[in-house]
PDB file of N, CA and C in Angstrom:
ATOM      1  N   MET A   1       1.054  -4.915 -44.856  1.00  0.00           N
ATOM      2  CA  MET A   1       1.451  -4.304 -43.613  1.00  0.00           C
ATOM      3  C   MET A   1       0.604  -4.893 -42.492  1.00  0.00           C
ATOM      4  N   THR A   2       1.264  -5.360 -41.458  1.00  0.00           N
ATOM      5  CA  THR A   2       0.530  -5.947 -40.334  1.00  0.00           C
ATOM      6  C   THR A   2       0.249  -4.882 -39.283  1.00  0.00           C
ATOM      7  N   ARG A   3      -0.869  -5.078 -38.619  1.00  0.00           N
ATOM      8  CA  ARG A   3      -1.233  -4.146 -37.551  1.00  0.00           C
ATOM      9  C   ARG A   3      -0.401  -4.461 -36.316  1.00  0.00           C
ATOM     10  N   PRO A   4      -0.042  -3.440 -35.566  1.00  0.00           N
ATOM     11  CA  PRO A   4       0.705  -3.712 -34.337  1.00  0.00           C
ATOM     12  C   PRO A   4      -0.163  -4.486 -33.352  1.00  0.00           C
ATOM     13  N   ARG A   5       0.451  -5.486 -32.724  1.00  0.00           N
ATOM     14  CA  ARG A   5      -0.272  -6.292 -31.733  1.00  0.00           C
ATOM     15  C   ARG A   5      -0.334  -5.561 -30.414  1.00  0.00           C
ATOM     16  N   ARG A   6      -1.450  -5.694 -29.759  1.00  0.00           N
ATOM     17  CA  ARG A   6      -1.558  -5.175 -28.404  1.00  0.00           C
ATOM     18  C   ARG A   6      -1.003  -6.215 -27.453  1.00  0.00           C
ATOM     19  N   ASP A   7      -0.227  -5.758 -26.535  1.00  0.00           N
ATOM     20  CA  ASP A   7       0.301  -6.652 -25.516  1.00  0.00           C
ATOM     21  C   ASP A   7      -0.819  -6.935 -24.521  1.00  0.00           C
ATOM     22  N   PRO A   8      -1.268  -8.193 -24.412  1.00  0.00           N
ATOM     23  CA  PRO A   8      -2.379  -8.496 -23.504  1.00  0.00           C
ATOM     24  C   PRO A   8      -2.068  -8.169 -22.049  1.00  0.00           C
ATOM     25  N   ASP A   9      -0.792  -8.240 -21.662  1.00  0.00           N
ATOM     26  CA  ASP A   9      -0.434  -7.899 -20.286  1.00  0.00           C
ATOM     27  C   ASP A   9      -0.617  -6.412 -20.010  1.00  0.00           C
ATOM     28  N   LEU A  10      -0.341  -5.565 -21.024  1.00  0.00           N
ATOM     29  CA  LEU A  10      -0.543  -4.129 -20.839  1.00  0.00           C
ATOM     30  C   LEU A  10      -2.024  -3.804 -20.705  1.00  0.00           C
ATOM     31  N   VAL A  11      -2.841  -4.426 -21.528  1.00  0.00           N
ATOM     32  CA  VAL A  11      -4.284  -4.200 -21.455  1.00  0.00           C
ATOM     33  C   VAL A  11      -4.804  -4.697 -20.112  1.00  0.00           C
ATOM     34  N   ARG A  12      -4.342  -5.858 -19.682  1.00  0.00           N
ATOM     35  CA  ARG A  12      -4.771  -6.433 -18.405  1.00  0.00           C
ATOM     36  C   ARG A  12      -4.381  -5.516 -17.247  1.00  0.00           C
ATOM     37  N   ALA A  13      -3.158  -5.006 -17.255  1.00  0.00           N
ATOM     38  CA  ALA A  13      -2.702  -4.108 -16.191  1.00  0.00           C
ATOM     39  C   ALA A  13      -3.532  -2.832 -16.171  1.00  0.00           C
ATOM     40  N   TYR A  14      -3.851  -2.297 -17.332  1.00  0.00           N
ATOM     41  CA  TYR A  14      -4.660  -1.082 -17.429  1.00  0.00           C
ATOM     42  C   TYR A  14      -6.042  -1.312 -16.828  1.00  0.00           C
ATOM     43  N   VAL A  15      -6.619  -2.460 -17.114  1.00  0.00           N
ATOM     44  CA  VAL A  15      -7.951  -2.786 -16.588  1.00  0.00           C
ATOM     45  C   VAL A  15      -7.890  -3.015 -15.079  1.00  0.00           C
ATOM     46  N   MET A  16      -6.876  -3.724 -14.600  1.00  0.00           N
ATOM     47  CA  MET A  16      -6.756  -4.015 -13.168  1.00  0.00           C
ATOM     48  C   MET A  16      -6.638  -2.748 -12.334  1.00  0.00           C
ATOM     49  N   THR A  17      -5.965  -1.740 -12.870  1.00  0.00           N
ATOM     50  CA  THR A  17      -5.765  -0.505 -12.108  1.00  0.00           C
ATOM     51  C   THR A  17      -6.882   0.503 -12.343  1.00  0.00           C
ATOM     52  N   GLY A  18      -7.897   0.116 -13.085  1.00  0.00           N
ATOM     53  CA  GLY A  18      -8.997   1.036 -13.358  1.00  0.00           C
ATOM     54  C   GLY A  18      -8.568   2.194 -14.239  1.00  0.00           C
ATOM     55  N   GLY A  19      -7.538   1.987 -15.023  1.00  0.00           N
ATOM     56  CA  GLY A  19      -7.047   3.024 -15.915  1.00  0.00           C
ATOM     57  C   GLY A  19      -6.003   3.937 -15.296  1.00  0.00           C
ATOM     58  N   ALA A  20      -5.723   3.750 -14.026  1.00  0.00           N
ATOM     59  CA  ALA A  20      -4.706   4.586 -13.368  1.00  0.00           C
ATOM     60  C   ALA A  20      -3.321   4.185 -13.864  1.00  0.00           C
ATOM     61  N   VAL A  21      -2.491   5.167 -14.118  1.00  0.00           N
ATOM     62  CA  VAL A  21      -1.138   4.879 -14.591  1.00  0.00           C
ATOM     63  C   VAL A  21      -0.081   5.240 -13.558  1.00  0.00           C
ATOM     64  N   ARG A  22      -0.488   5.956 -12.507  1.00  0.00           N
ATOM     65  CA  ARG A  22       0.425   6.315 -11.418  1.00  0.00           C
ATOM     66  C   ARG A  22      -0.279   6.122 -10.088  1.00  0.00           C
ATOM     67  N   PRO A  23       0.468   5.727  -9.068  1.00  0.00           N
ATOM     68  CA  PRO A  23      -0.149   5.629  -7.738  1.00  0.00           C
ATOM     69  C   PRO A  23      -0.436   7.023  -7.183  1.00  0.00           C
ATOM     70  N   SER A  24      -1.398   7.102  -6.290  1.00  0.00           N
ATOM     71  CA  SER A  24      -1.768   8.390  -5.701  1.00  0.00           C
ATOM     72  C   SER A  24      -0.789   8.837  -4.621  1.00  0.00           C
ATOM     73  N   ARG A  25       0.140   7.966  -4.248  1.00  0.00           N
ATOM     74  CA  ARG A  25       1.144   8.300  -3.228  1.00  0.00           C
ATOM     75  C   ARG A  25       2.434   7.565  -3.538  1.00  0.00           C
ATOM     76  N   GLU A  26       3.522   8.074  -3.013  1.00  0.00           N
ATOM     77  CA  GLU A  26       4.834   7.451  -3.217  1.00  0.00           C
ATOM     78  C   GLU A  26       4.952   6.193  -2.364  1.00  0.00           C
ATOM     79  N   MET A  27       5.509   5.165  -2.963  1.00  0.00           N
ATOM     80  CA  MET A  27       5.655   3.890  -2.269  1.00  0.00           C
ATOM     81  C   MET A  27       6.806   3.131  -2.923  1.00  0.00           C
ATOM     82  N   GLY A  28       7.684   2.567  -2.131  1.00  0.00           N
ATOM     83  CA  GLY A  28       8.797   1.789  -2.658  1.00  0.00           C
ATOM     84  C   GLY A  28       8.479   0.303  -2.668  1.00  0.00           C
ATOM     85  N   LEU A  29       9.346  -0.468  -3.274  1.00  0.00           N
ATOM     86  CA  LEU A  29       9.149  -1.918  -3.327  1.00  0.00           C
ATOM     87  C   LEU A  29       9.210  -2.559  -1.949  1.00  0.00           C
ATOM     88  N   VAL A  30       9.921  -1.933  -1.016  1.00  0.00           N
ATOM     89  CA  VAL A  30      10.051  -2.505   0.324  1.00  0.00           C
ATOM     90  C   VAL A  30       9.062  -1.904   1.321  1.00  0.00           C
ATOM     91  N   THR A  31       8.150  -1.061   0.841  1.00  0.00           N
ATOM     92  CA  THR A  31       7.137  -0.487   1.725  1.00  0.00           C
ATOM     93  C   THR A  31       6.260  -1.600   2.272  1.00  0.00           C
ATOM     94  N   LEU A  32       6.144  -1.662   3.596  1.00  0.00           N
ATOM     95  CA  LEU A  32       5.299  -2.673   4.230  1.00  0.00           C
ATOM     96  C   LEU A  32       3.859  -2.194   4.278  1.00  0.00           C
ATOM     97  N   LEU A  33       2.944  -3.124   4.057  1.00  0.00           N
ATOM     98  CA  LEU A  33       1.514  -2.821   4.070  1.00  0.00           C
ATOM     99  C   LEU A  33       0.805  -3.792   4.995  1.00  0.00           C
ATOM    100  N   VAL A  34      -0.160  -3.291   5.756  1.00  0.00           N
ATOM    101  CA  VAL A  34      -0.980  -4.139   6.622  1.00  0.00           C
ATOM    102  C   VAL A  34      -2.447  -3.846   6.340  1.00  0.00           C
ATOM    103  N   ALA A  35      -3.264  -4.891   6.438  1.00  0.00           N
ATOM    104  CA  ALA A  35      -4.697  -4.754   6.203  1.00  0.00           C
ATOM    105  C   ALA A  35      -5.366  -4.118   7.410  1.00  0.00           C
ATOM    106  N   GLN A  36      -6.358  -3.306   7.140  1.00  0.00           N
ATOM    107  CA  GLN A  36      -7.179  -2.699   8.181  1.00  0.00           C
ATOM    108  C   GLN A  36      -8.517  -3.426   8.203  1.00  0.00           C
ATOM    109  N   ASP A  37      -9.193  -3.361   9.311  1.00  0.00           N
ATOM    110  CA  ASP A  37     -10.476  -4.055   9.455  1.00  0.00           C
ATOM    111  C   ASP A  37     -11.592  -3.180   8.888  1.00  0.00           C
ATOM    112  N   VAL A  38     -11.719  -3.199   7.563  1.00  0.00           N
ATOM    113  CA  VAL A  38     -12.710  -2.386   6.859  1.00  0.00           C
ATOM    114  C   VAL A  38     -13.469  -3.298   5.903  1.00  0.00           C
ATOM    115  N   ALA A  39     -14.758  -3.028   5.706  1.00  0.00           N
ATOM    116  CA  ALA A  39     -15.582  -3.837   4.797  1.00  0.00           C
ATOM    117  C   ALA A  39     -15.005  -3.812   3.381  1.00  0.00           C
ATOM    118  N   VAL A  40     -15.144  -4.929   2.680  1.00  0.00           N
ATOM    119  CA  VAL A  40     -14.552  -5.050   1.344  1.00  0.00           C
ATOM    120  C   VAL A  40     -15.567  -4.876   0.216  1.00  0.00           C
ATOM    121  N   GLN A  41     -16.787  -4.486   0.531  1.00  0.00           N
ATOM    122  CA  GLN A  41     -17.778  -4.283  -0.523  1.00  0.00           C
ATOM    123  C   GLN A  41     -17.311  -3.180  -1.468  1.00  0.00           C
ATOM    124  N   GLY A  42     -17.529  -3.416  -2.734  1.00  0.00           N
ATOM    125  CA  GLY A  42     -17.192  -2.427  -3.744  1.00  0.00           C
ATOM    126  C   GLY A  42     -15.764  -2.479  -4.249  1.00  0.00           C
ATOM    127  N   LEU A  43     -14.961  -3.392  -3.729  1.00  0.00           N
ATOM    128  CA  LEU A  43     -13.585  -3.504  -4.209  1.00  0.00           C
ATOM    129  C   LEU A  43     -13.518  -4.379  -5.452  1.00  0.00           C
ATOM    130  N   ALA A  44     -12.597  -4.043  -6.335  1.00  0.00           N
ATOM    131  CA  ALA A  44     -12.350  -4.855  -7.527  1.00  0.00           C
ATOM    132  C   ALA A  44     -11.691  -6.167  -7.102  1.00  0.00           C
ATOM    133  N   PRO A  45     -11.819  -7.218  -7.923  1.00  0.00           N
ATOM    134  CA  PRO A  45     -11.219  -8.512  -7.571  1.00  0.00           C
ATOM    135  C   PRO A  45      -9.718  -8.421  -7.278  1.00  0.00           C
ATOM    136  N   GLU A  46      -8.992  -7.629  -8.048  1.00  0.00           N
ATOM    137  CA  GLU A  46      -7.551  -7.511  -7.826  1.00  0.00           C
ATOM    138  C   GLU A  46      -7.261  -6.826  -6.492  1.00  0.00           C
ATOM    139  N   GLN A  47      -8.074  -5.841  -6.138  1.00  0.00           N
ATOM    140  CA  GLN A  47      -7.898  -5.178  -4.846  1.00  0.00           C
ATOM    141  C   GLN A  47      -8.181  -6.155  -3.710  1.00  0.00           C
ATOM    142  N   ARG A  48      -9.182  -6.999  -3.892  1.00  0.00           N
ATOM    143  CA  ARG A  48      -9.492  -8.012  -2.872  1.00  0.00           C
ATOM    144  C   ARG A  48      -8.339  -8.997  -2.707  1.00  0.00           C
ATOM    145  N   ARG A  49      -7.682  -9.339  -3.811  1.00  0.00           N
ATOM    146  CA  ARG A  49      -6.550 -10.262  -3.733  1.00  0.00           C
ATOM    147  C   ARG A  49      -5.401  -9.645  -2.943  1.00  0.00           C
ATOM    148  N   VAL A  50      -5.101  -8.381  -3.214  1.00  0.00           N
ATOM    149  CA  VAL A  50      -4.032  -7.691  -2.480  1.00  0.00           C
ATOM    150  C   VAL A  50      -4.394  -7.611  -1.003  1.00  0.00           C
ATOM    151  N   LEU A  51      -5.616  -7.210  -0.715  1.00  0.00           N
ATOM    152  CA  LEU A  51      -6.067  -7.087   0.671  1.00  0.00           C
ATOM    153  C   LEU A  51      -6.064  -8.446   1.366  1.00  0.00           C
ATOM    154  N   GLY A  52      -6.473  -9.493   0.658  1.00  0.00           N
ATOM    155  CA  GLY A  52      -6.473 -10.845   1.214  1.00  0.00           C
ATOM    156  C   GLY A  52      -5.080 -11.313   1.592  1.00  0.00           C
ATOM    157  N   MET A  53      -4.095 -11.001   0.741  1.00  0.00           N
ATOM    158  CA  MET A  53      -2.706 -11.372   1.048  1.00  0.00           C
ATOM    159  C   MET A  53      -2.262 -10.721   2.356  1.00  0.00           C
ATOM    160  N   CYS A  54      -2.557  -9.449   2.497  1.00  0.00           N
ATOM    161  CA  CYS A  54      -2.132  -8.727   3.708  1.00  0.00           C
ATOM    162  C   CYS A  54      -2.916  -9.195   4.929  1.00  0.00           C
ATOM    163  N   SER A  55      -4.163  -9.579   4.742  1.00  0.00           N
ATOM    164  CA  SER A  55      -4.969 -10.070   5.868  1.00  0.00           C
ATOM    165  C   SER A  55      -4.443 -11.407   6.372  1.00  0.00           C
ATOM    166  N   ARG A  56      -4.079 -12.287   5.446  1.00  0.00           N
ATOM    167  CA  ARG A  56      -3.627 -13.630   5.821  1.00  0.00           C
ATOM    168  C   ARG A  56      -2.206 -13.654   6.359  1.00  0.00           C
ATOM    169  N   HIS A  57      -1.338 -12.843   5.786  1.00  0.00           N
ATOM    170  CA  HIS A  57       0.094 -12.944   6.095  1.00  0.00           C
ATOM    171  C   HIS A  57       0.635 -11.801   6.944  1.00  0.00           C
ATOM    172  N   GLY A  58      -0.188 -10.866   7.327  1.00  0.00           N
ATOM    173  CA  GLY A  58       0.305  -9.730   8.113  1.00  0.00           C
ATOM    174  C   GLY A  58       0.995  -8.719   7.228  1.00  0.00           C
ATOM    175  N   ALA A  59       1.991  -8.046   7.764  1.00  0.00           N
ATOM    176  CA  ALA A  59       2.702  -7.010   7.013  1.00  0.00           C
ATOM    177  C   ALA A  59       3.512  -7.636   5.880  1.00  0.00           C
ATOM    178  N   LEU A  60       3.249  -7.173   4.664  1.00  0.00           N
ATOM    179  CA  LEU A  60       3.978  -7.633   3.484  1.00  0.00           C
ATOM    180  C   LEU A  60       4.457  -6.424   2.700  1.00  0.00           C
ATOM    181  N   SER A  61       5.582  -6.580   2.022  1.00  0.00           N
ATOM    182  CA  SER A  61       6.085  -5.498   1.176  1.00  0.00           C
ATOM    183  C   SER A  61       5.385  -5.543  -0.181  1.00  0.00           C
ATOM    184  N   VAL A  62       5.470  -4.443  -0.892  1.00  0.00           N
ATOM    185  CA  VAL A  62       4.903  -4.371  -2.240  1.00  0.00           C
ATOM    186  C   VAL A  62       5.518  -5.466  -3.111  1.00  0.00           C
ATOM    187  N   ALA A  63       6.823  -5.674  -3.000  1.00  0.00           N
ATOM    188  CA  ALA A  63       7.509  -6.695  -3.800  1.00  0.00           C
ATOM    189  C   ALA A  63       6.995  -8.094  -3.477  1.00  0.00           C
ATOM    190  N   GLU A  64       6.765  -8.384  -2.190  1.00  0.00           N
ATOM    191  CA  GLU A  64       6.261  -9.706  -1.801  1.00  0.00           C
ATOM    192  C   GLU A  64       4.858  -9.945  -2.355  1.00  0.00           C
ATOM    193  N   ILE A  65       4.016  -8.938  -2.262  1.00  0.00           N
ATOM    194  CA  ILE A  65       2.649  -9.070  -2.779  1.00  0.00           C
ATOM    195  C   ILE A  65       2.694  -9.305  -4.283  1.00  0.00           C
ATOM    196  N   ALA A  66       3.523  -8.541  -4.986  1.00  0.00           N
ATOM    197  CA  ALA A  66       3.648  -8.701  -6.437  1.00  0.00           C
ATOM    198  C   ALA A  66       4.108 -10.109  -6.792  1.00  0.00           C
ATOM    199  N   ALA A  67       5.071 -10.633  -6.054  1.00  0.00           N
ATOM    200  CA  ALA A  67       5.581 -11.978  -6.331  1.00  0.00           C
ATOM    201  C   ALA A  67       4.526 -13.042  -6.047  1.00  0.00           C
ATOM    202  N   HIS A  68       3.839 -12.932  -4.915  1.00  0.00           N
ATOM    203  CA  HIS A  68       2.815 -13.922  -4.563  1.00  0.00           C
ATOM    204  C   HIS A  68       1.662 -13.939  -5.565  1.00  0.00           C
ATOM    205  N   LEU A  69       1.265 -12.755  -6.030  1.00  0.00           N
ATOM    206  CA  LEU A  69       0.107 -12.665  -6.927  1.00  0.00           C
ATOM    207  C   LEU A  69       0.492 -12.686  -8.397  1.00  0.00           C
ATOM    208  N   ASP A  70       1.799 -12.765  -8.686  1.00  0.00           N
ATOM    209  CA  ASP A  70       2.303 -12.780 -10.057  1.00  0.00           C
ATOM    210  C   ASP A  70       1.802 -11.564 -10.838  1.00  0.00           C
ATOM    211  N   LEU A  71       1.959 -10.392 -10.218  1.00  0.00           N
ATOM    212  CA  LEU A  71       1.571  -9.129 -10.841  1.00  0.00           C
ATOM    213  C   LEU A  71       2.792  -8.220 -10.914  1.00  0.00           C
ATOM    214  N   PRO A  72       2.821  -7.315 -11.886  1.00  0.00           N
ATOM    215  CA  PRO A  72       3.928  -6.357 -11.929  1.00  0.00           C
ATOM    216  C   PRO A  72       3.913  -5.470 -10.680  1.00  0.00           C
ATOM    217  N   PRO A  73       5.070  -5.156 -10.127  1.00  0.00           N
ATOM    218  CA  PRO A  73       5.110  -4.293  -8.943  1.00  0.00           C
ATOM    219  C   PRO A  73       4.428  -2.944  -9.156  1.00  0.00           C
ATOM    220  N   SER A  74       4.504  -2.415 -10.374  1.00  0.00           N
ATOM    221  CA  SER A  74       3.854  -1.127 -10.640  1.00  0.00           C
ATOM    222  C   SER A  74       2.341  -1.225 -10.478  1.00  0.00           C
ATOM    223  N   VAL A  75       1.768  -2.348 -10.878  1.00  0.00           N
ATOM    224  CA  VAL A  75       0.325  -2.558 -10.718  1.00  0.00           C
ATOM    225  C   VAL A  75      -0.022  -2.689  -9.242  1.00  0.00           C
ATOM    226  N   VAL A  76       0.776  -3.448  -8.504  1.00  0.00           N
ATOM    227  CA  VAL A  76       0.524  -3.621  -7.068  1.00  0.00           C
ATOM    228  C   VAL A  76       0.635  -2.280  -6.351  1.00  0.00           C
ATOM    229  N   THR A  77       1.587  -1.451  -6.749  1.00  0.00           N
ATOM    230  CA  THR A  77       1.741  -0.135  -6.131  1.00  0.00           C
ATOM    231  C   THR A  77       0.499   0.719  -6.351  1.00  0.00           C
ATOM    232  N   ILE A  78      -0.045   0.706  -7.553  1.00  0.00           N
ATOM    233  CA  ILE A  78      -1.255   1.485  -7.853  1.00  0.00           C
ATOM    234  C   ILE A  78      -2.440   0.941  -7.065  1.00  0.00           C
ATOM    235  N   LEU A  79      -2.587  -0.390  -7.034  1.00  0.00           N
ATOM    236  CA  LEU A  79      -3.691  -0.998  -6.281  1.00  0.00           C
ATOM    237  C   LEU A  79      -3.554  -0.711  -4.788  1.00  0.00           C
ATOM    238  N   ALA A  80      -2.340  -0.840  -4.263  1.00  0.00           N
ATOM    239  CA  ALA A  80      -2.110  -0.609  -2.832  1.00  0.00           C
ATOM    240  C   ALA A  80      -2.376   0.848  -2.462  1.00  0.00           C
ATOM    241  N   ALA A  81      -1.969   1.773  -3.311  1.00  0.00           N
ATOM    242  CA  ALA A  81      -2.215   3.196  -3.036  1.00  0.00           C
ATOM    243  C   ALA A  81      -3.713   3.480  -2.981  1.00  0.00           C
ATOM    244  N   ALA A  82      -4.465   2.883  -3.900  1.00  0.00           N
ATOM    245  CA  ALA A  82      -5.924   3.061  -3.884  1.00  0.00           C
ATOM    246  C   ALA A  82      -6.525   2.465  -2.616  1.00  0.00           C
ATOM    247  N   LEU A  83      -6.007   1.308  -2.196  1.00  0.00           N
ATOM    248  CA  LEU A  83      -6.501   0.681  -0.962  1.00  0.00           C
ATOM    249  C   LEU A  83      -6.110   1.495   0.275  1.00  0.00           C
ATOM    250  N   MET A  84      -4.981   2.157   0.230  1.00  0.00           N
ATOM    251  CA  MET A  84      -4.607   3.038   1.342  1.00  0.00           C
ATOM    252  C   MET A  84      -5.519   4.266   1.374  1.00  0.00           C
ATOM    253  N   ASP A  85      -5.825   4.801   0.199  1.00  0.00           N
ATOM    254  CA  ASP A  85      -6.712   5.967   0.121  1.00  0.00           C
ATOM    255  C   ASP A  85      -8.097   5.658   0.675  1.00  0.00           C
ATOM    256  N   SER A  86      -8.553   4.412   0.494  1.00  0.00           N
ATOM    257  CA  SER A  86      -9.888   4.022   0.965  1.00  0.00           C
ATOM    258  C   SER A  86      -9.871   3.500   2.402  1.00  0.00           C
ATOM    259  N   GLY A  87      -8.687   3.439   3.017  1.00  0.00           N
ATOM    260  CA  GLY A  87      -8.589   2.999   4.404  1.00  0.00           C
ATOM    261  C   GLY A  87      -8.484   1.500   4.593  1.00  0.00           C
ATOM    262  N   HIS A  88      -8.327   0.737   3.506  1.00  0.00           N
ATOM    263  CA  HIS A  88      -8.229  -0.719   3.591  1.00  0.00           C
ATOM    264  C   HIS A  88      -6.822  -1.201   3.950  1.00  0.00           C
ATOM    265  N   LEU A  89      -5.811  -0.435   3.560  1.00  0.00           N
ATOM    266  CA  LEU A  89      -4.421  -0.777   3.868  1.00  0.00           C
ATOM    267  C   LEU A  89      -3.764   0.399   4.585  1.00  0.00           C
ATOM    268  N   ALA A  90      -2.744   0.083   5.361  1.00  0.00           N
ATOM    269  CA  ALA A  90      -1.971   1.121   6.044  1.00  0.00           C
ATOM    270  C   ALA A  90      -0.512   0.707   6.087  1.00  0.00           C
ATOM    271  N   VAL A  91       0.344   1.685   6.268  1.00  0.00           N
ATOM    272  CA  VAL A  91       1.768   1.433   6.462  1.00  0.00           C
ATOM    273  C   VAL A  91       2.004   1.445   7.969  1.00  0.00           C
ATOM    274  N   PRO A  92       2.499   0.335   8.525  1.00  0.00           N
ATOM    275  CA  PRO A  92       2.703   0.306   9.980  1.00  0.00           C
ATOM    276  C   PRO A  92       3.813   1.263  10.409  1.00  0.00           C
ATOM    277  N   THR A  93       3.624   1.858  11.561  1.00  0.00           N
ATOM    278  CA  THR A  93       4.645   2.745  12.119  1.00  0.00           C
ATOM    279  C   THR A  93       5.657   1.893  12.871  1.00  0.00           C
ATOM    280  N   PRO A  94       6.923   1.965  12.488  1.00  0.00           N
ATOM    281  CA  PRO A  94       7.929   1.185  13.212  1.00  0.00           C
ATOM    282  C   PRO A  94       7.996   1.611  14.675  1.00  0.00           C
ATOM    283  N   ILE A  95       8.186   0.650  15.542  1.00  0.00           N
ATOM    284  CA  ILE A  95       8.255   0.915  16.977  1.00  0.00           C
ATOM    285  C   ILE A  95       9.322   1.969  17.285  1.00  0.00           C
ATOM    286  N   ALA A  96      10.446   1.913  16.596  1.00  0.00           N
ATOM    287  CA  ALA A  96      11.539   2.847  16.869  1.00  0.00           C
ATOM    288  C   ALA A  96      11.149   4.291  16.565  1.00  0.00           C
ATOM    289  N   ASP A  97      10.164   4.507  15.691  1.00  0.00           N
ATOM    290  CA  ASP A  97       9.753   5.858  15.331  1.00  0.00           C
ATOM    291  C   ASP A  97       8.803   6.483  16.349  1.00  0.00           C
ATOM    292  N   VAL A  98       8.263   5.696  17.259  1.00  0.00           N
ATOM    293  CA  VAL A  98       7.339   6.212  18.259  1.00  0.00           C
ATOM    294  C   VAL A  98       8.153   6.650  19.472  1.00  0.00           C
ATOM    295  N   PRO A  99       8.102   7.940  19.798  1.00  0.00           N
ATOM    296  CA  PRO A  99       8.913   8.391  20.934  1.00  0.00           C
ATOM    297  C   PRO A  99       8.397   7.843  22.259  1.00  0.00           C
ATOM    298  N   GLU A 100       9.312   7.633  23.174  1.00  0.00           N
ATOM    299  CA  GLU A 100       8.965   7.168  24.518  1.00  0.00           C
ATOM    300  C   GLU A 100       8.180   8.256  25.238  1.00  0.00           C
ATOM    301  N   VAL A 101       7.245   7.858  26.079  1.00  0.00           N
ATOM    302  CA  VAL A 101       6.431   8.799  26.838  1.00  0.00           C
ATOM    303  C   VAL A 101       7.313   9.646  27.751  1.00  0.00           C
ATOM    304  N   ASP A 102       8.316   9.028  28.357  1.00  0.00           N
ATOM    305  CA  ASP A 102       9.213   9.772  29.246  1.00  0.00           C
ATOM    306  C   ASP A 102       9.966  10.870  28.500  1.00  0.00           C
ATOM    307  N   VAL A 103      10.376  10.582  27.278  1.00  0.00           N
ATOM    308  CA  VAL A 103      11.078  11.583  26.475  1.00  0.00           C
ATOM    309  C   VAL A 103      10.146  12.754  26.181  1.00  0.00           C
ATOM    310  N   LEU A 104       8.905  12.451  25.815  1.00  0.00           N
ATOM    311  CA  LEU A 104       7.940  13.511  25.537  1.00  0.00           C
ATOM    312  C   LEU A 104       7.675  14.361  26.778  1.00  0.00           C
ATOM    313  N   LYS A 105       7.603  13.722  27.931  1.00  0.00           N
ATOM    314  CA  LYS A 105       7.389  14.469  29.180  1.00  0.00           C
ATOM    315  C   LYS A 105       8.566  15.400  29.470  1.00  0.00           C
ATOM    316  N   GLU A 106       9.784  14.919  29.222  1.00  0.00           N
ATOM    317  CA  GLU A 106      10.972  15.754  29.432  1.00  0.00           C
ATOM    318  C   GLU A 106      10.978  16.950  28.480  1.00  0.00           C
ATOM    319  N   VAL A 107      10.606  16.719  27.232  1.00  0.00           N
ATOM    320  CA  VAL A 107      10.542  17.809  26.254  1.00  0.00           C
ATOM    321  C   VAL A 107       9.504  18.833  26.696  1.00  0.00           C
ATOM    322  N   LEU A 108       8.338  18.364  27.112  1.00  0.00           N
ATOM    323  CA  LEU A 108       7.278  19.256  27.574  1.00  0.00           C
ATOM    324  C   LEU A 108       7.737  20.061  28.791  1.00  0.00           C
ATOM    325  N   ARG A 109       8.393  19.392  29.723  1.00  0.00           N
ATOM    326  CA  ARG A 109       8.900  20.075  30.911  1.00  0.00           C
ATOM    327  C   ARG A 109       9.907  21.159  30.506  1.00  0.00           C
ATOM    328  N   GLY A 110      10.795  20.832  29.579  1.00  0.00           N
ATOM    329  CA  GLY A 110      11.777  21.809  29.101  1.00  0.00           C
ATOM    330  C   GLY A 110      11.123  22.992  28.409  1.00  0.00           C
ATOM    331  N   LEU A 111      10.102  22.729  27.604  1.00  0.00           N
ATOM    332  CA  LEU A 111       9.391  23.813  26.922  1.00  0.00           C
ATOM    333  C   LEU A 111       8.683  24.720  27.921  1.00  0.00           C
ATOM    334  N   ARG A 112       8.105  24.137  28.940  1.00  0.00           N
ATOM    335  CA  ARG A 112       7.412  24.937  29.960  1.00  0.00           C
ATOM    336  C   ARG A 112       8.393  25.828  30.719  1.00  0.00           C
ATOM    337  N   GLN A 113       9.612  25.357  30.908  1.00  0.00           N
ATOM    338  CA  GLN A 113      10.616  26.161  31.605  1.00  0.00           C
ATOM    339  C   GLN A 113      11.054  27.359  30.764  1.00  0.00           C
ATOM    340  N   LEU A 114      10.930  27.247  29.463  1.00  0.00           N
ATOM    341  CA  LEU A 114      11.300  28.353  28.580  1.00  0.00           C
ATOM    342  C   LEU A 114      10.278  29.487  28.614  1.00  0.00           C
ATOM    343  N   ILE A 115       9.073  29.176  29.026  1.00  0.00           N
ATOM    344  CA  ILE A 115       7.989  30.179  29.002  1.00  0.00           C
ATOM    345  C   ILE A 115       8.030  31.053  30.220  1.00  0.00           C
TER     346      ILE A 115
END
C-alpha cells in the first residue's frame, strides 16, 4: 500500500498564506487593489511581491496579480485581504461613487428646510 502523496502546491499555498484558508474580507476576481505608502517591514516575501506589483503597475485586479505572479487567485485573495487589513493595500473608490459637492449642499439645504 502506497502512502498518499502530498500535493506540493497545496503545501506551498498553505505556507504562503500563513495557514489562512479564507480571506478576512470578501473580494472578487475583478476587485481592484492599489498600494498605499506604508513601510514594508515585517511582510512575508509573497506579500511583498503582491504589494510590489500594485506599486509598480497602479490599480490591478486580483486576477491580474494572480496571473502575473503565477499564483492561485485564492492565495492572492488571502494575501491581499491581509495586506488590506494592515493598511498596505486599498480598494480605490470609483469617481462615480463620490457625490458632487453641489449635490451634497442641495441635500443639506433640503434637510434644513424640513427642520
